[in-house]
Amino acid sequence: MLAGLSGALFWEEQRLLVVSDLHLEKGSSFATRGVLLPPYDTAATLGRLAAVVARHDPRMVIALGDSFHDRRAHERLSAQDRDAITALQARRDWIWISGNHDPALPSDLGGMVATEVAIGRIRFRHEPTGAIGEIAGHLHPKARVSTRGRAVERRCFASDGERAVMPAFGAYAGGLSIRDAAFAKLFGTAAFTAHLLGDTKLYTIAASRCY
């Protein structure tokens, strides 16, 4: 599988594109609680996703859960954003994996809804369990490294070659340091790798070198 700078995975043999944690309508969710953020996160996230879909022309797209920031987020989608989702789904299979933020996805968004998907020995789900062959999201991995005398923090893929946790794709999605105990528990050791999303390439760094 090809891990891309966008934070998506592409499995060329299956023509499968995988993204995780879009968190659409996070901005409007915060606004309902009085926290004002620029209301452009959904359009920005869908625009980035459209570019990745155009690049790979996948036969299938799997969105690994928390595609929507809360249970009512889909109701706040603008007509333009709904049209964008419809356009993304055209001529391809689309699977929404349910997440902890969006456990009950509506049926009017197009595509199929599932709790997890298995293709051969690979299993796609939202919350990671540490199982071999698992690709999951949920944790929003990020890594901080020191380079040229300054600290750089980026979203990243976390993997030990047997299982992987994908970075959040959403424009407003936050991140959890890969040095957090949740990752050591998941991988059973600190001997796993961070694949940082750089400006022009992925940087592969041992998690033990991050902080």
N, C-alpha and C. Protein backbone atom coordinates (compact mmCIF):
# COMPACT_ATOMS: atom_id res chain seq x y z
N MET A 1 0.84 -1.19 0.00
CA MET A 1 0.00 0.00 0.00
C MET A 1 0.88 1.25 0.00
N LEU A 2 0.42 2.27 -0.67
CA LEU A 2 1.16 3.52 -0.79
C LEU A 2 0.59 4.54 0.19
N ALA A 3 1.43 4.98 1.12
CA ALA A 3 1.03 6.05 2.04
C ALA A 3 1.36 7.38 1.38
N GLY A 4 0.36 8.25 1.29
CA GLY A 4 0.55 9.50 0.57
C GLY A 4 0.74 10.69 1.48
N LEU A 5 1.28 11.77 0.91
CA LEU A 5 1.50 13.01 1.66
C LEU A 5 0.20 13.61 2.16
N SER A 6 -0.90 13.27 1.52
CA SER A 6 -2.20 13.78 1.93
C SER A 6 -2.68 13.17 3.24
N GLY A 7 -2.10 12.03 3.61
CA GLY A 7 -2.59 11.28 4.76
C GLY A 7 -3.51 10.14 4.38
N ALA A 8 -3.65 9.89 3.08
CA ALA A 8 -4.47 8.78 2.58
C ALA A 8 -3.57 7.59 2.25
N LEU A 9 -4.18 6.42 2.19
CA LEU A 9 -3.52 5.20 1.73
C LEU A 9 -4.13 4.78 0.41
N PHE A 10 -3.29 4.29 -0.51
CA PHE A 10 -3.81 3.76 -1.76
C PHE A 10 -3.26 2.36 -1.99
N TRP A 11 -4.16 1.41 -2.17
CA TRP A 11 -3.81 0.01 -2.43
C TRP A 11 -4.03 -0.20 -3.93
N GLU A 12 -2.97 -0.13 -4.69
CA GLU A 12 -3.09 -0.11 -6.15
C GLU A 12 -3.71 -1.39 -6.69
N GLU A 13 -3.32 -2.54 -6.16
CA GLU A 13 -3.85 -3.82 -6.65
C GLU A 13 -5.37 -3.87 -6.54
N GLN A 14 -5.90 -3.31 -5.46
CA GLN A 14 -7.34 -3.31 -5.25
C GLN A 14 -8.00 -2.03 -5.76
N ARG A 15 -7.19 -1.07 -6.17
CA ARG A 15 -7.67 0.28 -6.53
C ARG A 15 -8.54 0.84 -5.40
N LEU A 16 -7.99 0.73 -4.20
CA LEU A 16 -8.69 1.10 -2.98
C LEU A 16 -8.01 2.31 -2.34
N LEU A 17 -8.80 3.33 -2.05
CA LEU A 17 -8.31 4.52 -1.35
C LEU A 17 -8.91 4.52 0.05
N VAL A 18 -8.06 4.78 1.04
CA VAL A 18 -8.50 4.78 2.44
C VAL A 18 -8.14 6.12 3.08
N VAL A 19 -9.12 6.73 3.72
CA VAL A 19 -8.89 7.96 4.49
C VAL A 19 -9.51 7.78 5.86
N SER A 20 -9.08 8.58 6.82
CA SER A 20 -9.58 8.41 8.17
C SER A 20 -9.86 9.76 8.83
N ASP A 21 -10.87 9.78 9.66
CA ASP A 21 -11.13 10.92 10.54
C ASP A 21 -11.23 12.25 9.78
N LEU A 22 -12.23 12.33 8.90
CA LEU A 22 -12.48 13.57 8.17
C LEU A 22 -13.02 14.66 9.10
N HIS A 23 -13.78 14.27 10.09
CA HIS A 23 -14.38 15.20 11.06
C HIS A 23 -15.08 16.38 10.37
N LEU A 24 -15.89 16.06 9.37
CA LEU A 24 -16.64 17.10 8.67
C LEU A 24 -17.57 17.85 9.63
N GLU A 25 -17.68 19.14 9.41
CA GLU A 25 -18.52 20.04 10.21
C GLU A 25 -18.04 20.17 11.66
N LYS A 26 -16.74 20.03 11.88
CA LYS A 26 -16.21 20.29 13.21
C LYS A 26 -16.34 21.77 13.55
N GLY A 27 -16.11 22.63 12.56
CA GLY A 27 -16.22 24.06 12.79
C GLY A 27 -17.61 24.46 13.25
N SER A 28 -18.64 23.95 12.58
CA SER A 28 -20.01 24.30 12.96
C SER A 28 -20.39 23.67 14.29
N SER A 29 -19.79 22.52 14.63
CA SER A 29 -20.04 21.91 15.93
C SER A 29 -19.51 22.80 17.04
N PHE A 30 -18.32 23.33 16.85
CA PHE A 30 -17.74 24.24 17.85
C PHE A 30 -18.56 25.51 17.96
N ALA A 31 -19.10 25.98 16.83
CA ALA A 31 -19.88 27.22 16.83
C ALA A 31 -21.12 27.09 17.71
N THR A 32 -21.72 25.90 17.75
CA THR A 32 -22.91 25.71 18.58
C THR A 32 -22.57 25.83 20.06
N ARG A 33 -21.28 25.71 20.39
CA ARG A 33 -20.86 25.84 21.79
C ARG A 33 -20.18 27.19 22.05
N GLY A 34 -20.30 28.09 21.09
CA GLY A 34 -19.76 29.43 21.28
C GLY A 34 -18.30 29.59 20.94
N VAL A 35 -17.69 28.55 20.37
CA VAL A 35 -16.29 28.63 19.95
C VAL A 35 -16.28 28.88 18.45
N LEU A 36 -15.93 30.08 18.07
CA LEU A 36 -16.04 30.47 16.66
C LEU A 36 -14.75 30.15 15.90
N LEU A 37 -14.88 29.31 14.89
CA LEU A 37 -13.80 28.96 13.98
C LEU A 37 -14.25 29.30 12.57
N PRO A 38 -13.33 29.62 11.67
CA PRO A 38 -13.73 29.86 10.28
C PRO A 38 -14.51 28.65 9.75
N PRO A 39 -15.69 28.85 9.18
CA PRO A 39 -16.57 27.72 8.81
C PRO A 39 -16.23 27.10 7.46
N TYR A 40 -14.95 26.84 7.24
CA TYR A 40 -14.54 26.36 5.92
C TYR A 40 -13.89 24.99 5.98
N ASP A 41 -13.93 24.33 7.14
CA ASP A 41 -13.21 23.07 7.27
C ASP A 41 -13.77 21.97 6.38
N THR A 42 -15.11 21.89 6.27
CA THR A 42 -15.70 20.83 5.44
C THR A 42 -15.33 21.00 3.98
N ALA A 43 -15.46 22.22 3.46
CA ALA A 43 -15.11 22.47 2.06
C ALA A 43 -13.63 22.19 1.81
N ALA A 44 -12.77 22.59 2.77
CA ALA A 44 -11.33 22.37 2.60
C ALA A 44 -11.01 20.88 2.61
N THR A 45 -11.62 20.14 3.53
CA THR A 45 -11.36 18.70 3.62
C THR A 45 -11.86 17.97 2.37
N LEU A 46 -13.07 18.29 1.93
CA LEU A 46 -13.61 17.65 0.73
C LEU A 46 -12.80 18.03 -0.52
N GLY A 47 -12.29 19.25 -0.55
CA GLY A 47 -11.46 19.66 -1.68
C GLY A 47 -10.18 18.87 -1.75
N ARG A 48 -9.53 18.67 -0.60
CA ARG A 48 -8.31 17.85 -0.55
C ARG A 48 -8.61 16.41 -0.94
N LEU A 49 -9.74 15.90 -0.46
CA LEU A 49 -10.11 14.53 -0.79
C LEU A 49 -10.41 14.39 -2.28
N ALA A 50 -11.04 15.39 -2.86
CA ALA A 50 -11.33 15.34 -4.30
C ALA A 50 -10.04 15.28 -5.10
N ALA A 51 -9.02 16.00 -4.65
CA ALA A 51 -7.74 15.99 -5.36
C ALA A 51 -7.09 14.60 -5.29
N VAL A 52 -7.18 13.95 -4.14
CA VAL A 52 -6.61 12.60 -4.00
C VAL A 52 -7.39 11.60 -4.84
N VAL A 53 -8.71 11.71 -4.84
CA VAL A 53 -9.55 10.81 -5.66
C VAL A 53 -9.24 11.00 -7.14
N ALA A 54 -9.08 12.24 -7.56
CA ALA A 54 -8.76 12.50 -8.97
C ALA A 54 -7.39 11.93 -9.34
N ARG A 55 -6.46 11.96 -8.40
CA ARG A 55 -5.11 11.46 -8.67
C ARG A 55 -5.10 9.96 -8.86
N HIS A 56 -5.85 9.24 -8.04
CA HIS A 56 -5.78 7.77 -8.04
C HIS A 56 -6.95 7.10 -8.77
N ASP A 57 -8.06 7.79 -8.94
CA ASP A 57 -9.26 7.22 -9.56
C ASP A 57 -9.56 5.83 -8.98
N PRO A 58 -9.81 5.75 -7.66
CA PRO A 58 -10.02 4.44 -7.03
C PRO A 58 -11.32 3.79 -7.45
N ARG A 59 -11.34 2.47 -7.36
CA ARG A 59 -12.58 1.72 -7.57
C ARG A 59 -13.43 1.75 -6.32
N MET A 60 -12.77 1.88 -5.16
CA MET A 60 -13.46 1.90 -3.87
C MET A 60 -12.79 2.88 -2.94
N VAL A 61 -13.60 3.55 -2.12
CA VAL A 61 -13.09 4.43 -1.07
C VAL A 61 -13.64 3.94 0.26
N ILE A 62 -12.76 3.80 1.25
CA ILE A 62 -13.19 3.48 2.62
C ILE A 62 -12.83 4.66 3.50
N ALA A 63 -13.83 5.23 4.16
CA ALA A 63 -13.62 6.29 5.14
C ALA A 63 -13.68 5.66 6.52
N LEU A 64 -12.55 5.68 7.23
CA LEU A 64 -12.38 4.87 8.44
C LEU A 64 -12.99 5.46 9.72
N GLY A 65 -14.15 6.01 9.64
CA GLY A 65 -14.83 6.45 10.85
C GLY A 65 -14.54 7.88 11.25
N ASP A 66 -15.41 8.43 12.06
CA ASP A 66 -15.38 9.85 12.44
C ASP A 66 -15.28 10.72 11.19
N SER A 67 -16.02 10.32 10.18
CA SER A 67 -16.10 11.15 8.97
C SER A 67 -16.86 12.44 9.29
N PHE A 68 -17.76 12.36 10.27
CA PHE A 68 -18.53 13.52 10.72
C PHE A 68 -18.23 13.75 12.19
N HIS A 69 -18.15 15.02 12.57
CA HIS A 69 -17.65 15.34 13.91
C HIS A 69 -18.65 15.01 15.01
N ASP A 70 -19.94 14.96 14.71
CA ASP A 70 -20.93 14.60 15.71
C ASP A 70 -22.12 13.96 15.03
N ARG A 71 -23.06 13.49 15.81
CA ARG A 71 -24.20 12.73 15.28
C ARG A 71 -25.12 13.55 14.39
N ARG A 72 -25.10 14.88 14.52
CA ARG A 72 -25.99 15.73 13.72
C ARG A 72 -25.23 16.49 12.63
N ALA A 73 -23.96 16.21 12.49
CA ALA A 73 -23.12 17.00 11.56
C ALA A 73 -23.64 16.93 10.13
N HIS A 74 -24.11 15.76 9.72
CA HIS A 74 -24.58 15.61 8.33
C HIS A 74 -25.74 16.55 8.03
N GLU A 75 -26.51 16.91 9.08
CA GLU A 75 -27.64 17.81 8.88
C GLU A 75 -27.19 19.25 8.61
N ARG A 76 -25.97 19.57 8.99
CA ARG A 76 -25.46 20.93 8.81
C ARG A 76 -24.66 21.10 7.51
N LEU A 77 -24.53 20.04 6.74
CA LEU A 77 -23.81 20.14 5.46
C LEU A 77 -24.53 21.13 4.54
N SER A 78 -23.76 21.96 3.88
CA SER A 78 -24.35 22.85 2.88
C SER A 78 -24.72 22.05 1.64
N ALA A 79 -25.56 22.62 0.81
CA ALA A 79 -25.93 21.96 -0.45
C ALA A 79 -24.70 21.71 -1.31
N GLN A 80 -23.77 22.65 -1.30
CA GLN A 80 -22.55 22.49 -2.10
C GLN A 80 -21.70 21.33 -1.59
N ASP A 81 -21.62 21.19 -0.26
CA ASP A 81 -20.82 20.10 0.29
C ASP A 81 -21.49 18.75 0.05
N ARG A 82 -22.81 18.71 0.10
CA ARG A 82 -23.52 17.47 -0.23
C ARG A 82 -23.27 17.09 -1.69
N ASP A 83 -23.30 18.07 -2.56
CA ASP A 83 -23.02 17.81 -3.98
C ASP A 83 -21.59 17.31 -4.16
N ALA A 84 -20.67 17.86 -3.38
CA ALA A 84 -19.27 17.43 -3.47
C ALA A 84 -19.13 15.97 -3.07
N ILE A 85 -19.83 15.56 -2.01
CA ILE A 85 -19.79 14.16 -1.58
C ILE A 85 -20.38 13.25 -2.65
N THR A 86 -21.49 13.68 -3.22
CA THR A 86 -22.11 12.89 -4.30
C THR A 86 -21.16 12.73 -5.48
N ALA A 87 -20.47 13.81 -5.84
CA ALA A 87 -19.52 13.75 -6.96
C ALA A 87 -18.36 12.80 -6.65
N LEU A 88 -17.89 12.81 -5.41
CA LEU A 88 -16.80 11.92 -5.02
C LEU A 88 -17.20 10.45 -5.13
N GLN A 89 -18.47 10.15 -4.90
CA GLN A 89 -18.94 8.77 -4.91
C GLN A 89 -19.28 8.26 -6.30
N ALA A 90 -19.32 9.13 -7.27
CA ALA A 90 -19.74 8.73 -8.62
C ALA A 90 -18.79 7.69 -9.20
N ARG A 91 -19.36 6.62 -9.76
CA ARG A 91 -18.63 5.57 -10.49
C ARG A 91 -17.71 4.75 -9.59
N ARG A 92 -17.92 4.76 -8.30
CA ARG A 92 -17.08 3.95 -7.42
C ARG A 92 -17.87 3.51 -6.19
N ASP A 93 -17.41 2.45 -5.57
CA ASP A 93 -17.99 2.01 -4.30
C ASP A 93 -17.46 2.90 -3.18
N TRP A 94 -18.31 3.17 -2.22
CA TRP A 94 -17.93 4.04 -1.10
C TRP A 94 -18.45 3.41 0.19
N ILE A 95 -17.56 3.26 1.16
CA ILE A 95 -17.94 2.66 2.44
C ILE A 95 -17.60 3.62 3.57
N TRP A 96 -18.63 3.97 4.34
CA TRP A 96 -18.45 4.75 5.56
C TRP A 96 -18.32 3.78 6.73
N ILE A 97 -17.17 3.76 7.39
CA ILE A 97 -17.03 3.00 8.63
C ILE A 97 -17.54 3.88 9.77
N SER A 98 -18.37 3.32 10.62
CA SER A 98 -18.89 4.11 11.75
C SER A 98 -17.79 4.30 12.79
N GLY A 99 -17.79 5.49 13.40
CA GLY A 99 -16.78 5.82 14.40
C GLY A 99 -17.42 6.20 15.72
N ASN A 100 -16.62 6.60 16.68
CA ASN A 100 -17.17 6.99 17.98
C ASN A 100 -17.89 8.34 17.90
N HIS A 101 -17.49 9.22 16.96
CA HIS A 101 -18.18 10.49 16.79
C HIS A 101 -19.44 10.33 15.94
N ASP A 102 -19.45 9.36 15.05
CA ASP A 102 -20.60 9.17 14.14
C ASP A 102 -21.04 7.71 14.11
N PRO A 103 -21.52 7.20 15.24
CA PRO A 103 -21.86 5.77 15.32
C PRO A 103 -23.08 5.36 14.53
N ALA A 104 -23.95 6.32 14.20
CA ALA A 104 -25.18 5.99 13.48
C ALA A 104 -25.28 6.88 12.25
N LEU A 105 -24.58 6.50 11.21
CA LEU A 105 -24.56 7.30 9.99
C LEU A 105 -25.88 7.17 9.24
N PRO A 106 -26.37 8.27 8.67
CA PRO A 106 -27.66 8.24 7.96
C PRO A 106 -27.54 7.53 6.62
N SER A 107 -28.66 7.16 6.05
CA SER A 107 -28.67 6.41 4.79
C SER A 107 -28.78 7.32 3.57
N ASP A 108 -28.87 8.64 3.78
CA ASP A 108 -29.07 9.53 2.64
C ASP A 108 -27.79 10.19 2.16
N LEU A 109 -26.65 9.66 2.58
CA LEU A 109 -25.36 10.25 2.17
C LEU A 109 -24.74 9.50 0.99
N GLY A 110 -25.38 8.44 0.55
CA GLY A 110 -24.80 7.61 -0.50
C GLY A 110 -23.79 6.65 0.10
N GLY A 111 -23.41 5.66 -0.66
CA GLY A 111 -22.46 4.67 -0.17
C GLY A 111 -23.09 3.68 0.79
N MET A 112 -22.24 2.84 1.38
CA MET A 112 -22.66 1.83 2.35
C MET A 112 -22.07 2.17 3.71
N VAL A 113 -22.70 1.69 4.76
CA VAL A 113 -22.23 1.87 6.13
C VAL A 113 -21.84 0.52 6.71
N ALA A 114 -20.68 0.46 7.38
CA ALA A 114 -20.22 -0.78 7.99
C ALA A 114 -19.46 -0.47 9.27
N THR A 115 -19.31 -1.47 10.13
CA THR A 115 -18.52 -1.30 11.34
C THR A 115 -17.04 -1.61 11.06
N GLU A 116 -16.79 -2.48 10.10
CA GLU A 116 -15.43 -2.77 9.66
C GLU A 116 -15.50 -3.50 8.33
N VAL A 117 -14.36 -3.54 7.65
CA VAL A 117 -14.29 -4.18 6.33
C VAL A 117 -13.03 -5.05 6.30
N ALA A 118 -13.15 -6.27 5.81
CA ALA A 118 -12.00 -7.16 5.66
C ALA A 118 -11.78 -7.44 4.19
N ILE A 119 -10.53 -7.29 3.74
CA ILE A 119 -10.13 -7.64 2.39
C ILE A 119 -8.91 -8.55 2.53
N GLY A 120 -9.11 -9.82 2.29
CA GLY A 120 -8.04 -10.78 2.53
C GLY A 120 -7.68 -10.78 4.01
N ARG A 121 -6.38 -10.60 4.31
CA ARG A 121 -5.92 -10.60 5.70
C ARG A 121 -5.93 -9.21 6.31
N ILE A 122 -6.33 -8.21 5.53
CA ILE A 122 -6.32 -6.83 6.01
C ILE A 122 -7.71 -6.47 6.51
N ARG A 123 -7.75 -5.87 7.70
CA ARG A 123 -9.03 -5.48 8.29
C ARG A 123 -9.00 -3.98 8.56
N PHE A 124 -10.03 -3.31 8.06
CA PHE A 124 -10.14 -1.86 8.20
C PHE A 124 -11.21 -1.55 9.24
N ARG A 125 -10.86 -0.79 10.27
CA ARG A 125 -11.82 -0.40 11.30
C ARG A 125 -11.45 0.96 11.86
N HIS A 126 -12.35 1.52 12.66
CA HIS A 126 -12.08 2.85 13.21
C HIS A 126 -11.12 2.79 14.40
N GLU A 127 -11.50 2.12 15.46
CA GLU A 127 -10.66 2.09 16.66
C GLU A 127 -9.69 0.92 16.61
N PRO A 128 -8.39 1.20 16.76
CA PRO A 128 -7.40 0.13 16.68
C PRO A 128 -7.45 -0.79 17.89
N THR A 129 -7.19 -2.07 17.64
CA THR A 129 -7.16 -3.07 18.71
C THR A 129 -5.76 -3.65 18.88
N GLY A 130 -4.89 -3.42 17.90
CA GLY A 130 -3.56 -4.00 17.93
C GLY A 130 -3.46 -5.31 17.18
N ALA A 131 -4.54 -5.74 16.55
CA ALA A 131 -4.54 -7.01 15.82
C ALA A 131 -3.62 -6.92 14.61
N ILE A 132 -2.99 -8.03 14.28
CA ILE A 132 -2.14 -8.10 13.08
C ILE A 132 -3.01 -7.93 11.84
N GLY A 133 -2.54 -7.15 10.89
CA GLY A 133 -3.27 -6.93 9.66
C GLY A 133 -4.29 -5.81 9.75
N GLU A 134 -4.26 -5.06 10.84
CA GLU A 134 -5.26 -4.03 11.07
C GLU A 134 -4.80 -2.66 10.56
N ILE A 135 -5.71 -1.95 9.92
CA ILE A 135 -5.51 -0.54 9.56
C ILE A 135 -6.66 0.24 10.17
N ALA A 136 -6.32 1.18 11.03
CA ALA A 136 -7.34 1.89 11.79
C ALA A 136 -7.02 3.37 11.86
N GLY A 137 -7.92 4.10 12.49
CA GLY A 137 -7.74 5.54 12.67
C GLY A 137 -7.88 5.89 14.13
N HIS A 138 -8.76 6.84 14.43
CA HIS A 138 -9.19 7.19 15.78
C HIS A 138 -8.17 7.97 16.61
N LEU A 139 -6.90 7.57 16.61
CA LEU A 139 -5.92 8.17 17.51
C LEU A 139 -5.28 9.45 16.97
N HIS A 140 -5.45 9.74 15.69
CA HIS A 140 -4.89 10.97 15.10
C HIS A 140 -3.38 11.11 15.39
N PRO A 141 -2.56 10.14 15.02
CA PRO A 141 -1.14 10.22 15.39
C PRO A 141 -0.43 11.44 14.81
N LYS A 142 0.43 12.02 15.63
CA LYS A 142 1.31 13.10 15.20
C LYS A 142 2.66 12.88 15.88
N ALA A 143 3.70 13.45 15.30
CA ALA A 143 5.04 13.27 15.85
C ALA A 143 5.78 14.60 15.84
N ARG A 144 6.59 14.80 16.85
CA ARG A 144 7.42 16.00 16.96
C ARG A 144 8.89 15.56 16.89
N VAL A 145 9.64 16.19 16.03
CA VAL A 145 11.06 15.90 15.89
C VAL A 145 11.84 17.21 15.90
N SER A 146 13.11 17.09 16.19
CA SER A 146 14.00 18.26 16.17
C SER A 146 14.83 18.21 14.90
N THR A 147 14.82 19.31 14.15
CA THR A 147 15.61 19.37 12.92
C THR A 147 16.15 20.78 12.74
N ARG A 148 17.44 20.86 12.47
CA ARG A 148 18.10 22.15 12.25
C ARG A 148 17.85 23.12 13.39
N GLY A 149 17.87 22.56 14.59
CA GLY A 149 17.76 23.40 15.77
C GLY A 149 16.36 23.85 16.12
N ARG A 150 15.36 23.32 15.44
CA ARG A 150 13.99 23.71 15.77
C ARG A 150 13.09 22.48 15.78
N ALA A 151 11.98 22.61 16.49
CA ALA A 151 11.03 21.50 16.60
C ALA A 151 10.02 21.59 15.46
N VAL A 152 9.72 20.43 14.87
CA VAL A 152 8.72 20.32 13.82
C VAL A 152 7.71 19.26 14.22
N GLU A 153 6.44 19.60 14.15
CA GLU A 153 5.39 18.65 14.51
C GLU A 153 4.49 18.42 13.30
N ARG A 154 4.27 17.16 12.96
CA ARG A 154 3.48 16.81 11.79
C ARG A 154 2.58 15.61 12.09
N ARG A 155 1.49 15.54 11.37
CA ARG A 155 0.67 14.34 11.40
C ARG A 155 1.50 13.20 10.80
N CYS A 156 1.17 11.98 11.17
CA CYS A 156 1.97 10.85 10.67
C CYS A 156 1.16 9.57 10.65
N PHE A 157 1.63 8.62 9.85
CA PHE A 157 1.20 7.24 9.95
C PHE A 157 2.06 6.59 11.03
N ALA A 158 1.47 5.71 11.83
CA ALA A 158 2.21 4.95 12.82
C ALA A 158 2.09 3.47 12.46
N SER A 159 3.22 2.79 12.33
CA SER A 159 3.17 1.39 11.89
C SER A 159 4.40 0.63 12.35
N ASP A 160 4.21 -0.66 12.56
CA ASP A 160 5.34 -1.55 12.85
C ASP A 160 5.47 -2.63 11.78
N GLY A 161 4.80 -2.43 10.65
CA GLY A 161 4.85 -3.41 9.58
C GLY A 161 3.79 -4.48 9.67
N GLU A 162 3.16 -4.62 10.83
CA GLU A 162 2.10 -5.61 11.03
C GLU A 162 0.72 -4.96 11.15
N ARG A 163 0.69 -3.70 11.57
CA ARG A 163 -0.54 -2.96 11.79
C ARG A 163 -0.22 -1.48 11.61
N ALA A 164 -1.25 -0.68 11.37
CA ALA A 164 -1.00 0.74 11.14
C ALA A 164 -2.16 1.57 11.67
N VAL A 165 -1.82 2.79 12.12
CA VAL A 165 -2.81 3.78 12.50
C VAL A 165 -2.62 4.98 11.57
N MET A 166 -3.71 5.39 10.94
CA MET A 166 -3.63 6.46 9.95
C MET A 166 -3.79 7.83 10.58
N PRO A 167 -3.19 8.84 9.98
CA PRO A 167 -3.39 10.20 10.47
C PRO A 167 -4.79 10.69 10.15
N ALA A 168 -5.25 11.67 10.91
CA ALA A 168 -6.54 12.29 10.62
C ALA A 168 -6.42 13.09 9.33
N PHE A 169 -7.46 13.01 8.49
CA PHE A 169 -7.46 13.71 7.21
C PHE A 169 -8.13 15.08 7.32
N GLY A 170 -8.99 15.26 8.30
CA GLY A 170 -9.79 16.47 8.41
C GLY A 170 -8.98 17.72 8.68
N ALA A 171 -9.42 18.84 8.10
CA ALA A 171 -8.70 20.10 8.21
C ALA A 171 -8.55 20.55 9.65
N TYR A 172 -9.57 20.32 10.47
CA TYR A 172 -9.54 20.79 11.86
C TYR A 172 -9.25 19.68 12.86
N ALA A 173 -8.94 18.50 12.38
CA ALA A 173 -8.69 17.39 13.30
C ALA A 173 -7.36 17.61 14.04
N GLY A 174 -7.37 17.37 15.33
CA GLY A 174 -6.15 17.52 16.12
C GLY A 174 -5.28 16.28 16.03
N GLY A 175 -4.37 16.11 16.99
CA GLY A 175 -3.48 14.97 16.94
C GLY A 175 -3.05 14.53 18.33
N LEU A 176 -2.63 13.27 18.42
CA LEU A 176 -2.12 12.69 19.66
C LEU A 176 -0.68 12.26 19.42
N SER A 177 0.21 12.68 20.29
CA SER A 177 1.63 12.34 20.14
C SER A 177 1.83 10.83 20.12
N ILE A 178 2.67 10.37 19.23
CA ILE A 178 2.94 8.93 19.18
C ILE A 178 3.73 8.45 20.39
N ARG A 179 4.20 9.38 21.21
CA ARG A 179 4.85 8.98 22.46
C ARG A 179 3.83 8.77 23.57
N ASP A 180 2.55 9.02 23.27
CA ASP A 180 1.52 8.76 24.26
C ASP A 180 1.44 7.26 24.56
N ALA A 181 1.06 6.94 25.78
CA ALA A 181 0.99 5.54 26.20
C ALA A 181 0.03 4.72 25.36
N ALA A 182 -0.95 5.38 24.72
CA ALA A 182 -1.92 4.64 23.90
C ALA A 182 -1.23 3.91 22.76
N PHE A 183 -0.18 4.49 22.21
CA PHE A 183 0.52 3.84 21.10
C PHE A 183 1.41 2.71 21.58
N ALA A 184 2.11 2.91 22.70
CA ALA A 184 2.94 1.84 23.25
C ALA A 184 2.09 0.64 23.61
N LYS A 185 0.89 0.89 24.13
CA LYS A 185 -0.03 -0.20 24.46
C LYS A 185 -0.50 -0.90 23.20
N LEU A 186 -0.79 -0.13 22.16
CA LEU A 186 -1.30 -0.69 20.92
C LEU A 186 -0.27 -1.58 20.24
N PHE A 187 0.98 -1.07 20.13
CA PHE A 187 2.02 -1.81 19.43
C PHE A 187 2.76 -2.79 20.35
N GLY A 188 2.55 -2.66 21.65
CA GLY A 188 3.21 -3.56 22.59
C GLY A 188 4.65 -3.22 22.85
N THR A 189 5.13 -2.15 22.22
CA THR A 189 6.53 -1.75 22.34
C THR A 189 6.67 -0.35 21.77
N ALA A 190 7.80 0.28 22.05
CA ALA A 190 8.08 1.59 21.45
C ALA A 190 8.79 1.43 20.11
N ALA A 191 9.04 0.19 19.71
CA ALA A 191 9.78 -0.07 18.47
C ALA A 191 8.84 -0.08 17.26
N PHE A 192 8.23 1.05 16.99
CA PHE A 192 7.45 1.20 15.78
C PHE A 192 7.90 2.49 15.10
N THR A 193 7.32 2.77 13.95
CA THR A 193 7.83 3.84 13.11
C THR A 193 6.77 4.89 12.84
N ALA A 194 7.22 6.14 12.81
CA ALA A 194 6.37 7.25 12.41
C ALA A 194 6.73 7.65 10.99
N HIS A 195 5.73 7.79 10.14
CA HIS A 195 5.93 8.25 8.77
C HIS A 195 5.30 9.64 8.68
N LEU A 196 6.13 10.66 8.88
CA LEU A 196 5.65 12.03 8.98
C LEU A 196 5.29 12.60 7.62
N LEU A 197 4.19 13.35 7.57
CA LEU A 197 3.76 14.00 6.35
C LEU A 197 4.55 15.28 6.16
N GLY A 198 5.55 15.24 5.28
CA GLY A 198 6.35 16.42 5.00
C GLY A 198 5.73 17.26 3.91
N ASP A 199 6.44 18.29 3.51
CA ASP A 199 5.92 19.15 2.44
C ASP A 199 6.03 18.50 1.07
N THR A 200 7.09 17.71 0.88
CA THR A 200 7.31 17.09 -0.43
C THR A 200 7.50 15.59 -0.37
N LYS A 201 7.65 15.03 0.83
CA LYS A 201 7.81 13.58 0.95
C LYS A 201 7.50 13.14 2.37
N LEU A 202 7.36 11.82 2.54
CA LEU A 202 7.19 11.26 3.87
C LEU A 202 8.56 11.06 4.51
N TYR A 203 8.65 11.33 5.79
CA TYR A 203 9.89 11.13 6.54
C TYR A 203 9.68 9.98 7.52
N THR A 204 10.47 8.94 7.38
CA THR A 204 10.35 7.75 8.22
C THR A 204 11.32 7.84 9.38
N ILE A 205 10.78 7.89 10.61
CA ILE A 205 11.59 8.11 11.79
C ILE A 205 11.12 7.15 12.88
N ALA A 206 12.05 6.54 13.58
CA ALA A 206 11.69 5.66 14.69
C ALA A 206 10.91 6.45 15.74
N ALA A 207 9.85 5.87 16.23
CA ALA A 207 9.04 6.56 17.23
C ALA A 207 9.86 6.96 18.44
N SER A 208 10.88 6.16 18.78
CA SER A 208 11.72 6.45 19.95
C SER A 208 12.53 7.72 19.76
N ARG A 209 12.68 8.19 18.51
CA ARG A 209 13.43 9.43 18.25
C ARG A 209 12.53 10.65 18.29
N CYS A 210 11.24 10.44 18.37
CA CYS A 210 10.30 11.55 18.44
C CYS A 210 10.05 11.91 19.89
N TYR A 211 9.46 13.06 20.09
CA TYR A 211 9.18 13.47 21.47
C TYR A 211 7.92 14.32 21.52
